[in-house]
N, C-alpha and C. Protein backbone atom coordinates (compact mmCIF):
# COMPACT_ATOMS: atom_id res chain seq x y z
N MET A 1 0.83 -1.19 0.00
CA MET A 1 0.00 0.00 0.00
C MET A 1 0.87 1.26 0.00
N GLU A 2 1.92 1.25 0.79
CA GLU A 2 2.78 2.43 0.88
C GLU A 2 3.52 2.69 -0.44
N GLN A 3 3.82 1.64 -1.18
CA GLN A 3 4.52 1.79 -2.44
C GLN A 3 3.64 2.52 -3.46
N ASN A 4 2.34 2.32 -3.42
CA ASN A 4 1.43 3.00 -4.35
C ASN A 4 1.44 4.51 -4.14
N LYS A 5 1.60 4.97 -2.91
CA LYS A 5 1.64 6.41 -2.63
C LYS A 5 2.85 7.06 -3.28
N ASN A 6 3.96 6.37 -3.34
CA ASN A 6 5.18 6.92 -3.93
C ASN A 6 5.15 6.89 -5.45
N ASN A 7 4.27 6.11 -6.07
CA ASN A 7 4.21 6.00 -7.52
C ASN A 7 3.21 6.95 -8.15
N VAL A 8 2.64 7.88 -7.38
CA VAL A 8 1.69 8.84 -7.92
C VAL A 8 2.45 9.81 -8.82
N LEU A 9 1.94 10.00 -10.03
CA LEU A 9 2.63 10.84 -10.99
C LEU A 9 2.57 12.32 -10.62
N PHE A 10 1.38 12.80 -10.23
CA PHE A 10 1.22 14.19 -9.85
C PHE A 10 0.65 14.27 -8.45
N GLY A 11 1.21 15.18 -7.66
CA GLY A 11 0.71 15.38 -6.30
C GLY A 11 -0.44 16.37 -6.28
N LYS A 12 -0.92 16.65 -5.07
CA LYS A 12 -2.04 17.59 -4.92
C LYS A 12 -1.69 18.98 -5.42
N GLU A 13 -0.48 19.41 -5.16
CA GLU A 13 -0.04 20.74 -5.60
C GLU A 13 -0.03 20.84 -7.13
N ASN A 14 0.46 19.79 -7.78
CA ASN A 14 0.46 19.77 -9.24
C ASN A 14 -0.96 19.83 -9.80
N LEU A 15 -1.84 19.05 -9.22
CA LEU A 15 -3.22 19.03 -9.70
C LEU A 15 -3.91 20.38 -9.47
N LYS A 16 -3.58 21.03 -8.36
CA LYS A 16 -4.14 22.35 -8.10
C LYS A 16 -3.71 23.35 -9.18
N TRP A 17 -2.43 23.32 -9.54
CA TRP A 17 -1.93 24.22 -10.58
C TRP A 17 -2.50 23.87 -11.95
N MET A 18 -2.72 22.57 -12.21
CA MET A 18 -3.34 22.17 -13.47
C MET A 18 -4.77 22.69 -13.56
N LEU A 19 -5.50 22.63 -12.47
CA LEU A 19 -6.86 23.14 -12.45
C LEU A 19 -6.88 24.65 -12.66
N ILE A 20 -5.96 25.36 -12.03
CA ILE A 20 -5.86 26.82 -12.21
C ILE A 20 -5.58 27.14 -13.68
N GLY A 21 -4.64 26.41 -14.28
CA GLY A 21 -4.31 26.63 -15.69
C GLY A 21 -5.49 26.35 -16.60
N ALA A 22 -6.23 25.29 -16.31
CA ALA A 22 -7.40 24.95 -17.13
C ALA A 22 -8.48 26.02 -17.02
N VAL A 23 -8.68 26.57 -15.83
CA VAL A 23 -9.67 27.63 -15.65
C VAL A 23 -9.27 28.88 -16.42
N ILE A 24 -7.98 29.22 -16.42
CA ILE A 24 -7.49 30.38 -17.17
C ILE A 24 -7.70 30.18 -18.66
N ILE A 25 -7.41 28.98 -19.16
CA ILE A 25 -7.59 28.68 -20.58
C ILE A 25 -9.07 28.78 -20.97
N VAL A 26 -9.94 28.21 -20.16
CA VAL A 26 -11.37 28.27 -20.45
C VAL A 26 -11.86 29.72 -20.43
N ALA A 27 -11.36 30.52 -19.49
CA ALA A 27 -11.74 31.93 -19.44
C ALA A 27 -11.30 32.65 -20.71
N GLY A 28 -10.11 32.32 -21.22
CA GLY A 28 -9.65 32.92 -22.46
C GLY A 28 -10.52 32.55 -23.64
N PHE A 29 -10.92 31.29 -23.72
CA PHE A 29 -11.79 30.87 -24.82
C PHE A 29 -13.18 31.50 -24.71
N LEU A 30 -13.69 31.64 -23.49
CA LEU A 30 -14.98 32.28 -23.32
C LEU A 30 -14.94 33.75 -23.72
N LEU A 31 -13.84 34.43 -23.41
CA LEU A 31 -13.70 35.82 -23.82
C LEU A 31 -13.57 35.95 -25.34
N MET A 32 -12.99 34.94 -25.97
CA MET A 32 -12.80 34.98 -27.42
C MET A 32 -14.10 34.67 -28.17
N ALA A 33 -14.99 33.97 -27.55
CA ALA A 33 -16.24 33.56 -28.20
C ALA A 33 -17.17 34.75 -28.37
N GLY A 34 -18.13 34.59 -29.24
CA GLY A 34 -19.15 35.62 -29.41
C GLY A 34 -18.98 36.37 -30.71
N GLY A 35 -19.46 37.60 -30.72
CA GLY A 35 -19.40 38.42 -31.91
C GLY A 35 -20.62 38.27 -32.77
N LYS A 36 -21.66 37.67 -32.22
CA LYS A 36 -22.89 37.45 -32.97
C LYS A 36 -23.62 38.78 -33.14
N SER A 37 -24.16 38.98 -34.31
CA SER A 37 -24.88 40.20 -34.63
C SER A 37 -26.38 39.93 -34.68
N GLU A 38 -27.14 40.95 -34.35
CA GLU A 38 -28.60 40.82 -34.44
C GLU A 38 -29.04 40.60 -35.89
N ASP A 39 -28.41 41.33 -36.80
CA ASP A 39 -28.74 41.24 -38.22
C ASP A 39 -27.58 40.56 -38.94
N PRO A 40 -27.77 39.38 -39.52
CA PRO A 40 -26.65 38.67 -40.16
C PRO A 40 -26.10 39.37 -41.41
N THR A 41 -26.81 40.36 -41.94
CA THR A 41 -26.31 41.07 -43.12
C THR A 41 -25.42 42.24 -42.74
N VAL A 42 -25.34 42.58 -41.45
CA VAL A 42 -24.53 43.71 -40.99
C VAL A 42 -23.27 43.18 -40.32
N PHE A 43 -22.12 43.73 -40.74
CA PHE A 43 -20.84 43.34 -40.16
C PHE A 43 -20.39 44.44 -39.21
N ASP A 44 -20.37 44.14 -37.91
CA ASP A 44 -19.95 45.11 -36.91
C ASP A 44 -18.48 44.85 -36.56
N GLU A 45 -17.61 45.67 -37.14
CA GLU A 45 -16.17 45.48 -36.95
C GLU A 45 -15.75 45.67 -35.50
N GLN A 46 -16.38 46.58 -34.78
CA GLN A 46 -16.05 46.82 -33.38
C GLN A 46 -16.34 45.61 -32.50
N GLN A 47 -17.38 44.89 -32.84
CA GLN A 47 -17.75 43.73 -32.04
C GLN A 47 -16.85 42.53 -32.33
N VAL A 48 -16.52 42.31 -33.58
CA VAL A 48 -15.72 41.16 -33.96
C VAL A 48 -14.25 41.35 -33.61
N TYR A 49 -13.72 42.53 -33.87
CA TYR A 49 -12.30 42.80 -33.65
C TYR A 49 -12.07 43.63 -32.39
N SER A 50 -12.78 43.33 -31.32
CA SER A 50 -12.60 44.08 -30.09
C SER A 50 -11.27 43.70 -29.43
N THR A 51 -10.79 44.57 -28.58
CA THR A 51 -9.52 44.34 -27.88
C THR A 51 -9.60 43.08 -27.03
N THR A 52 -10.74 42.82 -26.45
CA THR A 52 -10.90 41.62 -25.62
C THR A 52 -10.69 40.35 -26.43
N ARG A 53 -11.30 40.28 -27.62
CA ARG A 53 -11.21 39.06 -28.43
C ARG A 53 -9.87 38.90 -29.11
N VAL A 54 -9.25 40.00 -29.51
CA VAL A 54 -8.04 39.91 -30.32
C VAL A 54 -6.77 39.93 -29.47
N THR A 55 -6.81 40.57 -28.29
CA THR A 55 -5.59 40.71 -27.51
C THR A 55 -5.66 39.99 -26.16
N ILE A 56 -6.65 40.31 -25.37
CA ILE A 56 -6.70 39.81 -24.00
C ILE A 56 -6.94 38.30 -23.96
N ALA A 57 -7.88 37.79 -24.74
CA ALA A 57 -8.19 36.37 -24.73
C ALA A 57 -7.00 35.49 -25.13
N PRO A 58 -6.29 35.79 -26.23
CA PRO A 58 -5.12 34.97 -26.56
C PRO A 58 -4.02 35.03 -25.51
N ILE A 59 -3.85 36.20 -24.88
CA ILE A 59 -2.84 36.31 -23.81
C ILE A 59 -3.23 35.42 -22.64
N LEU A 60 -4.50 35.41 -22.29
CA LEU A 60 -4.97 34.53 -21.21
C LEU A 60 -4.74 33.06 -21.55
N ILE A 61 -4.99 32.69 -22.78
CA ILE A 61 -4.79 31.29 -23.18
C ILE A 61 -3.32 30.91 -23.08
N VAL A 62 -2.44 31.78 -23.52
CA VAL A 62 -0.99 31.49 -23.43
C VAL A 62 -0.55 31.41 -21.96
N ILE A 63 -1.05 32.31 -21.12
CA ILE A 63 -0.72 32.26 -19.69
C ILE A 63 -1.21 30.95 -19.09
N GLY A 64 -2.42 30.53 -19.46
CA GLY A 64 -2.94 29.26 -18.97
C GLY A 64 -2.09 28.08 -19.41
N LEU A 65 -1.62 28.10 -20.64
CA LEU A 65 -0.74 27.03 -21.11
C LEU A 65 0.59 27.03 -20.37
N LEU A 66 1.12 28.20 -20.07
CA LEU A 66 2.37 28.28 -19.29
C LEU A 66 2.16 27.76 -17.87
N VAL A 67 1.01 28.03 -17.28
CA VAL A 67 0.70 27.49 -15.96
C VAL A 67 0.62 25.97 -16.03
N GLU A 68 0.05 25.44 -17.10
CA GLU A 68 -0.02 23.98 -17.27
C GLU A 68 1.38 23.37 -17.38
N VAL A 69 2.25 24.01 -18.12
CA VAL A 69 3.64 23.50 -18.25
C VAL A 69 4.31 23.53 -16.89
N TYR A 70 4.12 24.62 -16.14
CA TYR A 70 4.69 24.71 -14.80
C TYR A 70 4.15 23.59 -13.91
N ALA A 71 2.83 23.34 -13.99
CA ALA A 71 2.22 22.31 -13.15
C ALA A 71 2.78 20.92 -13.47
N ILE A 72 3.04 20.67 -14.74
CA ILE A 72 3.57 19.37 -15.14
C ILE A 72 5.03 19.21 -14.72
N MET A 73 5.81 20.28 -14.85
CA MET A 73 7.25 20.20 -14.57
C MET A 73 7.58 20.30 -13.07
N LYS A 74 6.68 20.85 -12.28
CA LYS A 74 6.93 21.03 -10.85
C LYS A 74 7.10 19.69 -10.16
N LYS A 75 8.12 19.59 -9.34
CA LYS A 75 8.36 18.35 -8.62
C LYS A 75 7.36 18.20 -7.48
N SER A 76 6.84 17.00 -7.34
CA SER A 76 5.94 16.71 -6.23
C SER A 76 6.74 16.54 -4.95
N LYS A 77 6.14 16.92 -3.84
CA LYS A 77 6.85 16.79 -2.56
C LYS A 77 6.68 15.40 -2.00
């Protein structure tokens, strides 16, 4: 039984960081989604190319991926 505890690939701390990274990535994708218009024949450039969708959301996704890499590489105690 004790040997199984030592063979765990990721500890609680790693899993916590993985969850944080996943939440950040999901938040980035949610911010990137949308841009739906009331009238499909009208193209609203401000809505589609907003700063949130073009800049902030991709930055959040990259930060989330970096947190995931950190969580995977971090040594378990």
